[in-house]
């Protein structure tokens, strides 16, 4: 198995910018203390792009086990599948304000990290 690349949030945001996407409103993600999702991420950011009101979620993980906890949790939400993208230690959950084709643009931008 290939080693897990370690990307930072700035790497992901820069890849989106290089793909011609306007990104703004970047801030730490906030959840209520009793929110059910895992707390295994190292960093969590929300941001918006043109045409959405519900922000995208970018999670950064320290390792595969932490990432897997989120993937298992999200697997229950089958509607999230076209909007979920994983690249090494990054997980991007694209806003459902976009169509699956529009979400694929963000996925492709992150897929080119390191190239």
N, C-alpha and C. Protein backbone atom coordinates (compact mmCIF):
# COMPACT_ATOMS: atom_id res chain seq x y z
N UNK A 1 0.85 -1.18 0.00
CA UNK A 1 0.00 0.00 0.00
C UNK A 1 0.89 1.25 0.00
N UNK A 2 0.57 2.21 -0.84
CA UNK A 2 1.35 3.45 -0.93
C UNK A 2 1.15 4.28 0.34
N UNK A 3 2.18 5.03 0.75
CA UNK A 3 2.02 5.86 1.93
C UNK A 3 0.98 6.95 1.70
N UNK A 4 0.32 7.33 2.78
CA UNK A 4 -0.70 8.37 2.73
C UNK A 4 -0.04 9.74 2.58
N UNK A 5 -0.35 10.45 1.50
CA UNK A 5 0.16 11.81 1.34
C UNK A 5 -0.48 12.70 2.39
N UNK A 6 0.25 13.67 2.84
CA UNK A 6 -0.22 14.57 3.90
C UNK A 6 -0.43 15.96 3.32
N UNK A 7 -1.66 16.27 2.97
CA UNK A 7 -2.00 17.58 2.44
C UNK A 7 -2.53 18.46 3.55
N UNK A 8 -2.36 19.75 3.39
CA UNK A 8 -2.88 20.75 4.31
C UNK A 8 -4.07 21.44 3.66
N UNK A 9 -4.91 22.10 4.44
CA UNK A 9 -6.05 22.81 3.86
C UNK A 9 -5.64 23.80 2.77
N UNK A 10 -4.53 24.50 2.98
CA UNK A 10 -4.09 25.47 1.96
C UNK A 10 -3.77 24.79 0.63
N UNK A 11 -3.26 23.57 0.67
CA UNK A 11 -2.99 22.82 -0.57
C UNK A 11 -4.29 22.61 -1.34
N UNK A 12 -5.33 22.19 -0.63
CA UNK A 12 -6.62 21.93 -1.27
C UNK A 12 -7.23 23.21 -1.81
N UNK A 13 -7.20 24.27 -1.03
CA UNK A 13 -7.79 25.54 -1.46
C UNK A 13 -7.03 26.10 -2.67
N UNK A 14 -5.72 25.94 -2.68
CA UNK A 14 -4.92 26.40 -3.81
C UNK A 14 -5.25 25.59 -5.07
N UNK A 15 -5.47 24.29 -4.93
CA UNK A 15 -5.84 23.45 -6.08
C UNK A 15 -7.18 23.90 -6.66
N UNK A 16 -8.11 24.26 -5.80
CA UNK A 16 -9.41 24.75 -6.28
C UNK A 16 -9.23 26.07 -7.02
N UNK A 17 -8.39 26.93 -6.48
CA UNK A 17 -8.13 28.22 -7.12
C UNK A 17 -7.47 28.02 -8.49
N UNK A 18 -6.48 27.13 -8.56
CA UNK A 18 -5.81 26.85 -9.84
C UNK A 18 -6.77 26.31 -10.89
N UNK A 19 -7.84 25.64 -10.44
CA UNK A 19 -8.84 25.11 -11.36
C UNK A 19 -9.84 26.18 -11.80
N UNK A 20 -9.63 27.42 -11.33
CA UNK A 20 -10.49 28.51 -11.75
C UNK A 20 -11.73 28.72 -10.89
N UNK A 21 -11.77 28.06 -9.73
CA UNK A 21 -12.91 28.21 -8.84
C UNK A 21 -12.68 29.35 -7.85
N UNK A 22 -13.69 30.16 -7.66
CA UNK A 22 -13.62 31.22 -6.65
C UNK A 22 -14.04 30.62 -5.31
N UNK A 23 -13.18 30.76 -4.32
CA UNK A 23 -13.42 30.22 -2.99
C UNK A 23 -13.39 31.38 -2.01
N UNK A 24 -14.39 31.46 -1.15
CA UNK A 24 -14.39 32.50 -0.12
C UNK A 24 -15.13 31.99 1.11
N UNK A 25 -15.09 32.80 2.15
CA UNK A 25 -15.76 32.43 3.39
C UNK A 25 -15.13 31.24 4.08
N UNK A 26 -13.84 31.06 3.92
CA UNK A 26 -13.16 29.92 4.56
C UNK A 26 -13.10 30.17 6.07
N UNK A 27 -13.62 29.22 6.82
CA UNK A 27 -13.59 29.33 8.29
C UNK A 27 -13.64 27.95 8.92
N UNK A 28 -13.24 27.86 10.18
CA UNK A 28 -13.31 26.56 10.86
C UNK A 28 -14.76 26.08 10.93
N UNK A 29 -14.96 24.79 10.70
CA UNK A 29 -16.29 24.20 10.82
C UNK A 29 -16.67 24.17 12.30
N UNK A 30 -17.94 24.42 12.54
CA UNK A 30 -18.44 24.42 13.93
C UNK A 30 -19.65 23.51 14.02
N UNK A 31 -19.65 22.64 15.05
CA UNK A 31 -20.78 21.77 15.31
C UNK A 31 -21.17 21.91 16.76
N UNK A 32 -22.44 21.69 17.06
CA UNK A 32 -22.83 21.67 18.47
C UNK A 32 -22.12 20.53 19.20
N UNK A 33 -21.91 20.68 20.50
CA UNK A 33 -21.20 19.62 21.26
C UNK A 33 -21.86 18.25 21.15
N UNK A 34 -23.18 18.20 20.95
CA UNK A 34 -23.87 16.92 20.89
C UNK A 34 -24.08 16.42 19.45
N UNK A 35 -23.41 17.03 18.48
CA UNK A 35 -23.53 16.60 17.09
C UNK A 35 -22.98 15.17 16.96
N UNK A 36 -23.61 14.35 16.09
CA UNK A 36 -23.27 12.92 16.06
C UNK A 36 -22.03 12.52 15.26
N UNK A 37 -21.50 13.39 14.44
CA UNK A 37 -20.40 12.97 13.57
C UNK A 37 -19.11 12.72 14.36
N UNK A 38 -18.21 11.91 13.77
CA UNK A 38 -16.95 11.62 14.44
C UNK A 38 -16.12 12.89 14.68
N UNK A 39 -15.23 12.80 15.62
CA UNK A 39 -14.32 13.93 15.92
C UNK A 39 -12.88 13.52 15.63
N UNK A 40 -12.71 12.69 14.63
CA UNK A 40 -11.39 12.12 14.34
C UNK A 40 -10.55 12.99 13.41
N UNK A 41 -11.11 14.04 12.86
CA UNK A 41 -10.36 14.90 11.94
C UNK A 41 -9.36 15.77 12.69
N UNK A 42 -8.31 16.16 11.99
CA UNK A 42 -7.30 17.06 12.54
C UNK A 42 -7.73 18.50 12.34
N UNK A 43 -8.32 18.81 11.17
CA UNK A 43 -8.83 20.14 10.87
C UNK A 43 -10.11 19.99 10.08
N UNK A 44 -11.02 20.95 10.26
CA UNK A 44 -12.27 20.98 9.51
C UNK A 44 -12.56 22.42 9.12
N UNK A 45 -12.77 22.63 7.83
CA UNK A 45 -13.07 23.97 7.31
C UNK A 45 -14.33 23.93 6.47
N UNK A 46 -15.04 25.04 6.48
CA UNK A 46 -16.13 25.23 5.53
C UNK A 46 -15.75 26.37 4.62
N UNK A 47 -16.29 26.34 3.41
CA UNK A 47 -16.07 27.42 2.44
C UNK A 47 -17.18 27.38 1.41
N UNK A 48 -17.31 28.46 0.67
CA UNK A 48 -18.33 28.53 -0.36
C UNK A 48 -17.69 28.82 -1.71
N UNK A 49 -18.40 28.44 -2.74
CA UNK A 49 -18.05 28.77 -4.12
C UNK A 49 -19.32 29.34 -4.75
N UNK A 50 -19.18 29.86 -5.95
CA UNK A 50 -20.31 30.50 -6.62
C UNK A 50 -21.49 29.54 -6.76
N UNK A 51 -22.67 30.06 -6.54
CA UNK A 51 -23.89 29.29 -6.76
C UNK A 51 -24.39 28.47 -5.59
N UNK A 52 -23.78 28.63 -4.42
CA UNK A 52 -24.24 27.83 -3.28
C UNK A 52 -24.51 28.72 -2.07
N UNK A 53 -25.37 28.25 -1.20
CA UNK A 53 -25.58 28.89 0.09
C UNK A 53 -25.13 27.99 1.23
N UNK A 54 -25.29 26.67 1.04
CA UNK A 54 -24.84 25.69 2.03
C UNK A 54 -23.36 25.41 1.76
N UNK A 55 -22.46 25.65 2.71
CA UNK A 55 -21.03 25.55 2.43
C UNK A 55 -20.54 24.12 2.21
N UNK A 56 -19.40 24.04 1.54
CA UNK A 56 -18.66 22.79 1.38
C UNK A 56 -17.91 22.52 2.68
N UNK A 57 -17.56 21.26 2.92
CA UNK A 57 -16.82 20.86 4.12
C UNK A 57 -15.54 20.17 3.69
N UNK A 58 -14.42 20.67 4.18
CA UNK A 58 -13.11 20.07 3.92
C UNK A 58 -12.54 19.57 5.24
N UNK A 59 -12.25 18.28 5.29
CA UNK A 59 -11.67 17.67 6.49
C UNK A 59 -10.26 17.19 6.19
N UNK A 60 -9.37 17.39 7.15
CA UNK A 60 -7.98 16.94 7.04
C UNK A 60 -7.75 15.95 8.18
N UNK A 61 -7.14 14.81 7.83
CA UNK A 61 -6.93 13.74 8.80
C UNK A 61 -5.45 13.46 9.00
N UNK A 62 -5.14 12.92 10.17
CA UNK A 62 -3.77 12.54 10.48
C UNK A 62 -3.41 11.16 9.98
N UNK A 63 -4.41 10.32 9.71
CA UNK A 63 -4.14 8.96 9.26
C UNK A 63 -5.38 8.30 8.71
N UNK A 64 -5.18 7.10 8.16
CA UNK A 64 -6.28 6.38 7.52
C UNK A 64 -7.38 5.95 8.49
N UNK A 65 -7.03 5.58 9.70
CA UNK A 65 -8.04 5.15 10.66
C UNK A 65 -9.01 6.28 10.97
N UNK A 66 -8.48 7.49 11.12
CA UNK A 66 -9.32 8.65 11.41
C UNK A 66 -10.25 8.95 10.23
N UNK A 67 -9.70 8.87 9.02
CA UNK A 67 -10.48 9.09 7.80
C UNK A 67 -11.57 8.02 7.67
N UNK A 68 -11.22 6.79 7.93
CA UNK A 68 -12.17 5.69 7.79
C UNK A 68 -13.37 5.85 8.73
N UNK A 69 -13.16 6.40 9.91
CA UNK A 69 -14.28 6.65 10.82
C UNK A 69 -15.31 7.57 10.18
N UNK A 70 -14.85 8.59 9.48
CA UNK A 70 -15.76 9.50 8.78
C UNK A 70 -16.42 8.83 7.59
N UNK A 71 -15.65 8.05 6.84
CA UNK A 71 -16.25 7.38 5.68
C UNK A 71 -17.35 6.42 6.10
N UNK A 72 -17.13 5.70 7.18
CA UNK A 72 -18.16 4.80 7.67
C UNK A 72 -19.39 5.56 8.15
N UNK A 73 -19.19 6.67 8.81
CA UNK A 73 -20.31 7.48 9.29
C UNK A 73 -21.09 8.05 8.10
N UNK A 74 -20.39 8.54 7.09
CA UNK A 74 -21.06 9.12 5.92
C UNK A 74 -21.73 8.07 5.04
N UNK A 75 -21.30 6.82 5.13
CA UNK A 75 -21.89 5.75 4.30
C UNK A 75 -23.39 5.60 4.57
N UNK A 76 -23.84 6.01 5.73
CA UNK A 76 -25.27 5.94 6.05
C UNK A 76 -26.08 6.95 5.26
N UNK A 77 -25.41 7.96 4.75
CA UNK A 77 -26.09 9.04 4.03
C UNK A 77 -25.85 8.88 2.54
N UNK A 78 -26.58 7.97 1.92
CA UNK A 78 -26.33 7.61 0.52
C UNK A 78 -26.45 8.79 -0.42
N UNK A 79 -27.24 9.81 -0.07
CA UNK A 79 -27.36 10.98 -0.94
C UNK A 79 -26.07 11.79 -0.99
N UNK A 80 -25.17 11.57 -0.04
CA UNK A 80 -23.90 12.30 -0.02
C UNK A 80 -22.89 11.72 -1.00
N UNK A 81 -23.12 10.51 -1.49
CA UNK A 81 -22.12 9.83 -2.31
C UNK A 81 -21.60 10.63 -3.50
N UNK A 82 -22.46 11.27 -4.32
CA UNK A 82 -21.90 12.00 -5.46
C UNK A 82 -21.13 13.25 -5.03
N UNK A 83 -21.25 13.61 -3.79
CA UNK A 83 -20.65 14.84 -3.30
C UNK A 83 -19.41 14.61 -2.46
N UNK A 84 -19.08 13.36 -2.23
CA UNK A 84 -17.97 12.99 -1.35
C UNK A 84 -16.74 12.66 -2.19
N UNK A 85 -15.61 13.24 -1.81
CA UNK A 85 -14.36 12.97 -2.52
C UNK A 85 -13.25 12.82 -1.50
N UNK A 86 -12.42 11.80 -1.66
CA UNK A 86 -11.29 11.56 -0.78
C UNK A 86 -10.02 11.57 -1.60
N UNK A 87 -9.04 12.33 -1.14
CA UNK A 87 -7.70 12.36 -1.75
C UNK A 87 -6.70 12.26 -0.62
N UNK A 88 -6.09 11.11 -0.48
CA UNK A 88 -5.10 10.87 0.56
C UNK A 88 -5.70 11.20 1.92
N UNK A 89 -5.19 12.23 2.62
CA UNK A 89 -5.69 12.56 3.96
C UNK A 89 -6.76 13.65 3.96
N UNK A 90 -7.32 13.96 2.78
CA UNK A 90 -8.36 14.98 2.65
C UNK A 90 -9.70 14.33 2.34
N UNK A 91 -10.75 14.87 2.91
CA UNK A 91 -12.10 14.48 2.57
C UNK A 91 -12.87 15.76 2.27
N UNK A 92 -13.48 15.82 1.10
CA UNK A 92 -14.28 16.97 0.70
C UNK A 92 -15.71 16.52 0.55
N UNK A 93 -16.59 17.17 1.28
CA UNK A 93 -18.02 16.95 1.13
C UNK A 93 -18.58 18.21 0.48
N UNK A 94 -18.90 18.10 -0.81
CA UNK A 94 -19.37 19.24 -1.60
C UNK A 94 -20.83 19.51 -1.27
N UNK A 95 -21.18 20.77 -1.24
CA UNK A 95 -22.56 21.19 -0.97
C UNK A 95 -23.52 20.56 -1.96
N UNK A 96 -24.67 20.13 -1.46
CA UNK A 96 -25.69 19.57 -2.35
C UNK A 96 -26.44 20.66 -3.10
N UNK A 97 -26.04 21.92 -2.92
CA UNK A 97 -26.58 23.00 -3.75
C UNK A 97 -26.10 22.84 -5.20
N UNK A 98 -25.03 22.08 -5.40
CA UNK A 98 -24.49 21.84 -6.74
C UNK A 98 -25.04 20.54 -7.30
N UNK A 99 -25.04 20.44 -8.61
CA UNK A 99 -25.40 19.16 -9.25
C UNK A 99 -24.21 18.21 -9.12
N UNK A 100 -24.42 16.91 -9.31
CA UNK A 100 -23.28 15.99 -9.29
C UNK A 100 -22.20 16.37 -10.32
N UNK A 101 -22.60 16.87 -11.49
CA UNK A 101 -21.61 17.29 -12.49
C UNK A 101 -20.80 18.48 -11.99
N UNK A 102 -21.46 19.42 -11.32
CA UNK A 102 -20.75 20.57 -10.77
C UNK A 102 -19.83 20.14 -9.63
N UNK A 103 -20.28 19.19 -8.83
CA UNK A 103 -19.45 18.66 -7.74
C UNK A 103 -18.20 18.01 -8.31
N UNK A 104 -18.35 17.36 -9.46
CA UNK A 104 -17.22 16.67 -10.08
C UNK A 104 -16.09 17.64 -10.44
N UNK A 105 -16.41 18.90 -10.69
CA UNK A 105 -15.38 19.92 -10.99
C UNK A 105 -14.49 20.12 -9.77
N UNK A 106 -15.09 20.22 -8.59
CA UNK A 106 -14.30 20.36 -7.37
C UNK A 106 -13.48 19.10 -7.11
N UNK A 107 -14.09 17.94 -7.33
CA UNK A 107 -13.38 16.67 -7.14
C UNK A 107 -12.15 16.60 -8.05
N UNK A 108 -12.34 16.97 -9.32
CA UNK A 108 -11.23 16.91 -10.28
C UNK A 108 -10.11 17.85 -9.88
N UNK A 109 -10.46 19.02 -9.36
CA UNK A 109 -9.43 19.97 -8.93
C UNK A 109 -8.56 19.36 -7.83
N UNK A 110 -9.18 18.72 -6.86
CA UNK A 110 -8.41 18.10 -5.77
C UNK A 110 -7.67 16.85 -6.23
N UNK A 111 -8.22 16.18 -7.23
CA UNK A 111 -7.56 14.98 -7.73
C UNK A 111 -6.22 15.32 -8.37
N UNK A 112 -6.02 16.56 -8.79
CA UNK A 112 -4.77 16.98 -9.43
C UNK A 112 -3.72 17.47 -8.42
N UNK A 113 -4.00 17.36 -7.13
CA UNK A 113 -2.99 17.72 -6.13
C UNK A 113 -1.73 16.90 -6.36
N UNK A 114 -0.59 17.54 -6.31
CA UNK A 114 0.67 16.85 -6.43
C UNK A 114 1.08 16.53 -7.85
N UNK A 115 0.34 17.00 -8.82
CA UNK A 115 0.69 16.73 -10.22
C UNK A 115 1.22 17.97 -10.88
